[in-house]
C-alpha atoms as a PDB file:
ATOM      1  CA  MET A   1       0.000   0.000   0.000  1.00  0.00           C
ATOM      2  CA  SER A   2       1.117   3.536  -0.601  1.00  0.00           C
ATOM      3  CA  THR A   3       2.536   5.476   2.306  1.00  0.00           C
ATOM      4  CA  SER A   4       2.916   8.956   0.821  1.00  0.00           C
ATOM      5  CA  ALA A   5       2.225  12.036   2.952  1.00  0.00           C
ATOM      6  CA  SER A   6      -1.249  12.405   1.466  1.00  0.00           C
ATOM      7  CA  SER A   7      -2.142   8.758   1.961  1.00  0.00           C
ATOM      8  CA  GLU A   8      -2.656   6.575   5.005  1.00  0.00           C
ATOM      9  CA  SER A   9      -2.855   2.856   4.281  1.00  0.00           C
ATOM     10  CA  SER A  10      -2.652  -0.529   5.897  1.00  0.00           C
ATOM     11  CA  ILE A  11      -3.069  -4.168   5.052  1.00  0.00           C
ATOM     12  CA  LEU A  12      -4.768  -6.335   7.626  1.00  0.00           C
ATOM     13  CA  PRO A  13      -4.369 -10.015   6.658  1.00  0.00           C
ATOM     14  CA  SER A  14      -6.174 -11.700   9.565  1.00  0.00           C
ATOM     15  CA  ASP A  15      -4.751 -15.208   9.284  1.00  0.00           C
ATOM     16  CA  ALA A  16      -2.028 -14.711   6.688  1.00  0.00           C
ATOM     17  CA  PRO A  17       1.417 -15.980   7.645  1.00  0.00           C
ATOM     18  CA  ALA A  18       3.300 -13.253   9.522  1.00  0.00           C
ATOM     19  CA  ALA A  19       6.395 -13.659   7.364  1.00  0.00           C
ATOM     20  CA  ALA A  20       4.491 -13.320   4.089  1.00  0.00           C
ATOM     21  CA  ILE A  21       6.400 -10.939   1.853  1.00  0.00           C
ATOM     22  CA  GLN A  22       4.502 -11.643  -1.354  1.00  0.00           C
ATOM     23  CA  PRO A  23       2.183  -8.979  -2.781  1.00  0.00           C
ATOM     24  CA  VAL A  24      -1.284  -9.085  -1.218  1.00  0.00           C
ATOM     25  CA  GLN A  25      -2.908  -9.761  -4.606  1.00  0.00           C
ATOM     26  CA  ASP A  26      -0.930 -13.022  -4.786  1.00  0.00           C
ATOM     27  CA  MET A  27      -2.355 -14.160  -1.444  1.00  0.00           C
ATOM     28  CA  VAL A  28      -5.824 -14.776  -2.943  1.00  0.00           C
ATOM     29  CA  GLY A  29      -6.902 -17.976  -4.680  1.00  0.00           C
ATOM     30  CA  SER A  30      -7.182 -21.706  -4.268  1.00  0.00           C
ATOM     31  CA  GLY A  31      -5.555 -22.772  -1.009  1.00  0.00           C
ATOM     32  CA  LYS A  32      -5.099 -19.134   0.019  1.00  0.00           C
ATOM     33  CA  ALA A  33      -7.437 -16.373   1.184  1.00  0.00           C
ATOM     34  CA  TRP A  34     -10.978 -16.501  -0.242  1.00  0.00           C
ATOM     35  CA  GLY A  35     -10.912 -12.863  -1.297  1.00  0.00           C
ATOM     36  CA  LEU A  36      -9.528  -9.382  -0.910  1.00  0.00           C
ATOM     37  CA  CYS A  37     -11.526  -6.403   0.321  1.00  0.00           C
ATOM     38  CA  THR A  38     -10.143  -2.898  -0.098  1.00  0.00           C
ATOM     39  CA  ALA A  39     -11.825   0.101   1.508  1.00  0.00           C
ATOM     40  CA  VAL A  40     -10.707   3.441   0.095  1.00  0.00           C
ATOM     41  CA  ASP A  41     -11.742   6.694   1.776  1.00  0.00           C
ATOM     42  CA  LEU A  42     -11.186   9.745  -0.414  1.00  0.00           C
ATOM     43  CA  HIS A  43     -11.122  13.142   1.295  1.00  0.00           C
ATOM     44  CA  ASP A  44     -11.735  16.542  -0.291  1.00  0.00           C
ATOM     45  CA  CYS A  45     -12.707  15.258  -3.733  1.00  0.00           C
ATOM     46  CA  HIS A  46     -13.470  17.643  -6.569  1.00  0.00           C
ATOM     47  CA  PRO A  47     -17.171  18.460  -5.949  1.00  0.00           C
ATOM     48  CA  ASP A  48     -18.221  18.299  -9.602  1.00  0.00           C
ATOM     49  CA  LEU A  49     -16.713  14.822 -10.040  1.00  0.00           C
ATOM     50  CA  ILE A  50     -18.528  13.135  -7.144  1.00  0.00           C
ATOM     51  CA  ARG A  51     -21.827  14.746  -8.191  1.00  0.00           C
ATOM     52  CA  ASP A  52     -21.703  13.425 -11.763  1.00  0.00           C
ATOM     53  CA  ALA A  53     -23.365  10.019 -12.294  1.00  0.00           C
ATOM     54  CA  ASN A  54     -21.667   9.575 -15.680  1.00  0.00           C
ATOM     55  CA  HIS A  55     -18.250  10.251 -14.153  1.00  0.00           C
ATOM     56  CA  ILE A  56     -18.930   7.667 -11.433  1.00  0.00           C
ATOM     57  CA  LYS A  57     -19.990   5.098 -14.062  1.00  0.00           C
ATOM     58  CA  ARG A  58     -16.855   5.866 -16.098  1.00  0.00           C
ATOM     59  CA  TYR A  59     -14.774   5.309 -12.942  1.00  0.00           C
ATOM     60  CA  VAL A  60     -16.192   1.791 -12.602  1.00  0.00           C
ATOM     61  CA  VAL A  61     -15.519   0.920 -16.244  1.00  0.00           C
ATOM     62  CA  GLU A  62     -11.951   2.212 -16.113  1.00  0.00           C
ATOM     63  CA  LEU A  63     -11.206   0.672 -12.698  1.00  0.00           C
ATOM     64  CA  CYS A  64     -12.455  -2.738 -13.819  1.00  0.00           C
ATOM     65  CA  ALA A  65     -10.294  -2.564 -16.941  1.00  0.00           C
ATOM     66  CA  LEU A  66      -7.285  -1.472 -14.873  1.00  0.00           C
ATOM     67  CA  ILE A  67      -7.515  -4.305 -12.313  1.00  0.00           C
ATOM     68  CA  GLY A  68      -8.771  -6.976 -14.706  1.00  0.00           C
ATOM     69  CA  MET A  69     -12.309  -7.391 -13.389  1.00  0.00           C
ATOM     70  CA  LYS A  70     -15.265  -8.355 -15.566  1.00  0.00           C
ATOM     71  CA  ARG A  71     -18.399  -6.260 -14.973  1.00  0.00           C
ATOM     72  CA  TYR A  72     -21.671  -8.148 -14.621  1.00  0.00           C
ATOM     73  CA  GLY A  73     -24.706  -6.103 -15.642  1.00  0.00           C
ATOM     74  CA  GLU A  74     -25.049  -2.356 -15.500  1.00  0.00           C
ATOM     75  CA  CYS A  75     -23.569  -0.091 -12.844  1.00  0.00           C
ATOM     76  CA  GLN A  76     -26.284   1.286 -10.544  1.00  0.00           C
ATOM     77  CA  VAL A  77     -25.788   4.932  -9.547  1.00  0.00           C
ATOM     78  CA  VAL A  78     -28.510   6.589  -7.451  1.00  0.00           C
ATOM     79  CA  ASN A  79     -28.593  10.072  -5.920  1.00  0.00           C
ATOM     80  CA  PHE A  80     -30.545  10.216  -2.652  1.00  0.00           C
ATOM     81  CA  GLY A  81     -30.453  11.049   1.052  1.00  0.00           C
ATOM     82  CA  GLU A  82     -30.673  14.244   3.038  1.00  0.00           C
ATOM     83  CA  GLY A  83     -28.166  16.304   4.974  1.00  0.00           C
ATOM     84  CA  ARG A  84     -24.971  14.527   5.930  1.00  0.00           C
ATOM     85  CA  VAL A  85     -25.767  11.396   3.901  1.00  0.00           C
ATOM     86  CA  ALA A  86     -26.942  13.087   0.697  1.00  0.00           C
ATOM     87  CA  GLY A  87     -25.123  12.069  -2.464  1.00  0.00           C
ATOM     88  CA  TYR A  88     -24.685   9.304  -4.979  1.00  0.00           C
ATOM     89  CA  SER A  89     -24.362   5.632  -4.123  1.00  0.00           C
ATOM     90  CA  MET A  90     -22.951   3.163  -6.647  1.00  0.00           C
ATOM     91  CA  VAL A  91     -22.993  -0.620  -6.984  1.00  0.00           C
ATOM     92  CA  GLN A  92     -21.359  -2.683  -9.712  1.00  0.00           C
ATOM     93  CA  LEU A  93     -21.456  -6.461  -9.656  1.00  0.00           C
ATOM     94  CA  ILE A  94     -18.321  -8.078 -11.029  1.00  0.00           C
ATOM     95  CA  SER A  95     -17.877 -11.725 -11.964  1.00  0.00           C
ATOM     96  CA  THR A  96     -15.820 -12.255  -8.793  1.00  0.00           C
ATOM     97  CA  SER A  97     -17.985 -10.129  -6.399  1.00  0.00           C
ATOM     98  CA  LEU A  98     -18.704  -6.374  -6.315  1.00  0.00           C
ATOM     99  CA  ILE A  99     -17.607  -2.751  -6.203  1.00  0.00           C
ATOM    100  CA  SER A 100     -19.598  -0.169  -4.256  1.00  0.00           C
ATOM    101  CA  GLY A 101     -19.242   3.460  -3.342  1.00  0.00           C
ATOM    102  CA  HIS A 102     -20.892   6.285  -1.463  1.00  0.00           C
ATOM    103  CA  PHE A 103     -20.239   9.931  -2.330  1.00  0.00           C
ATOM    104  CA  ALA A 104     -20.977  12.481   0.418  1.00  0.00           C
ATOM    105  CA  ASN A 105     -21.949  15.914  -0.885  1.00  0.00           C
ATOM    106  CA  GLU A 106     -21.619  17.671   2.484  1.00  0.00           C
ATOM    107  CA  THR A 107     -17.951  16.773   2.950  1.00  0.00           C
ATOM    108  CA  ASN A 108     -16.875  16.022  -0.645  1.00  0.00           C
ATOM    109  CA  HIS A 109     -15.638  12.626   0.559  1.00  0.00           C
ATOM    110  CA  ALA A 110     -16.053   9.281  -1.180  1.00  0.00           C
ATOM    111  CA  TYR A 111     -16.098   5.824   0.378  1.00  0.00           C
ATOM    112  CA  LEU A 112     -15.270   2.947  -1.982  1.00  0.00           C
ATOM    113  CA  ASP A 113     -15.258  -0.808  -1.373  1.00  0.00           C
ATOM    114  CA  ILE A 114     -13.793  -3.365  -3.767  1.00  0.00           C
ATOM    115  CA  PHE A 115     -14.285  -7.032  -2.879  1.00  0.00           C
ATOM    116  CA  SER A 116     -13.126  -9.854  -5.120  1.00  0.00           C
ATOM    117  CA  CYS A 117     -12.117 -13.486  -4.854  1.00  0.00           C
ATOM    118  CA  LYS A 118      -9.612 -12.685  -7.614  1.00  0.00           C
ATOM    119  CA  GLY A 119      -6.458 -10.866  -6.534  1.00  0.00           C
ATOM    120  CA  TYR A 120      -5.719  -7.272  -7.508  1.00  0.00           C
ATOM    121  CA  ASP A 121      -3.294  -4.596  -6.324  1.00  0.00           C
ATOM    122  CA  PRO A 122      -4.881  -2.377  -3.626  1.00  0.00           C
ATOM    123  CA  THR A 123      -2.260   0.347  -4.174  1.00  0.00           C
ATOM    124  CA  VAL A 124      -3.348   0.645  -7.800  1.00  0.00           C
ATOM    125  CA  VAL A 125      -6.993   0.959  -6.708  1.00  0.00           C
ATOM    126  CA  GLU A 126      -6.164   3.654  -4.170  1.00  0.00           C
ATOM    127  CA  SER A 127      -3.991   5.807  -6.426  1.00  0.00           C
ATOM    128  CA  PHE A 128      -6.332   5.485  -9.416  1.00  0.00           C
ATOM    129  CA  SER A 129      -9.387   6.363  -7.302  1.00  0.00           C
ATOM    130  CA  LYS A 130      -7.676   9.330  -5.681  1.00  0.00           C
ATOM    131  CA  GLU A 131      -6.675  10.767  -9.035  1.00  0.00           C
ATOM    132  CA  PHE A 132     -10.010   9.999 -10.739  1.00  0.00           C
ATOM    133  CA  PHE A 133     -12.023  11.934  -8.152  1.00  0.00           C
ATOM    134  CA  GLY A 134      -9.421  14.645  -7.546  1.00  0.00           C
ATOM    135  CA  ALA A 135      -9.066  13.814  -3.836  1.00  0.00           C
ATOM    136  CA  ARG A 136      -6.476  15.657  -1.771  1.00  0.00           C
ATOM    137  CA  ARG A 137      -5.982  12.739   0.615  1.00  0.00           C
ATOM    138  CA  SER A 138      -6.799   9.054   0.760  1.00  0.00           C
ATOM    139  CA  VAL A 139      -6.905   6.327   3.366  1.00  0.00           C
ATOM    140  CA  ALA A 140      -6.999   2.693   2.254  1.00  0.00           C
ATOM    141  CA  THR A 141      -7.295  -0.564   4.131  1.00  0.00           C
ATOM    142  CA  ALA A 142      -6.961  -3.956   2.480  1.00  0.00           C
ATOM    143  CA  THR A 143      -8.217  -7.029   4.275  1.00  0.00           C
ATOM    144  CA  LEU A 144      -7.765 -10.627   3.218  1.00  0.00           C
ATOM    145  CA  ARG A 145     -11.015 -12.578   3.724  1.00  0.00           C
ATOM    146  CA  TYR A 146     -10.750 -16.230   4.751  1.00  0.00           C
END
């Protein structure tokens, strides 16, 4: 995971061997962890980008291409809520699980979750997401699921 000044990240492999030095994406598969879940919190995103349903849908298409995930069906993007929770929510099924996100208008933050039983690089997801939504800061946590 990235550890730049504008990023706070950690990997929490519950039952992974302590001495594991291999990339987290290689720790998923038959005889290994069932899946990988990455939570990315984006802070101070560009307001216009998180309030644009087409931009959010484009994010999903480009992210899936970048990390080698096959989309299943259409991406659902719905704008709803009031006050603190107002904003878009997104769900995209992928052949190996799902991608979801919540975009908070009040704070210009975004909360993304990528879960897959196919490995991928969480650092790529974090940096791509941060750039795509123009966030000033990001926090990512990757968890191996057993």
